[in-house]
Amino acid sequence: MNERIAELYDQAIVIEDGGDYVAGELDPVKFAELIVKECMEVAGASYTSTPEDCVYYVDLAVNRIAEHFGVEE
């Protein structure tokens, strides 16, 4: 697992204290929200473009997100 994805996973663990024990469980909604927010930050550079340039910037954003998370297309 990519290091950044592992960090986001850890942030999405909800800790429950049952008195004598502590258990953690993944909150899948929180995990998804953290990934989406991260993608927004990675792809959110300010681009001013014409409609013709949109394909270029979408490809650029996809590549930046894939590189950021270490995911191959």
Foldseek 3Di string as FASTA:
>chain_A
DFPVLVVLQVVQWDWDDPPVDIDTDGDVVSSVVVLVVVLCVQLVDDDDDDPVCVVVSVVVSVVSSCVVRVHDD
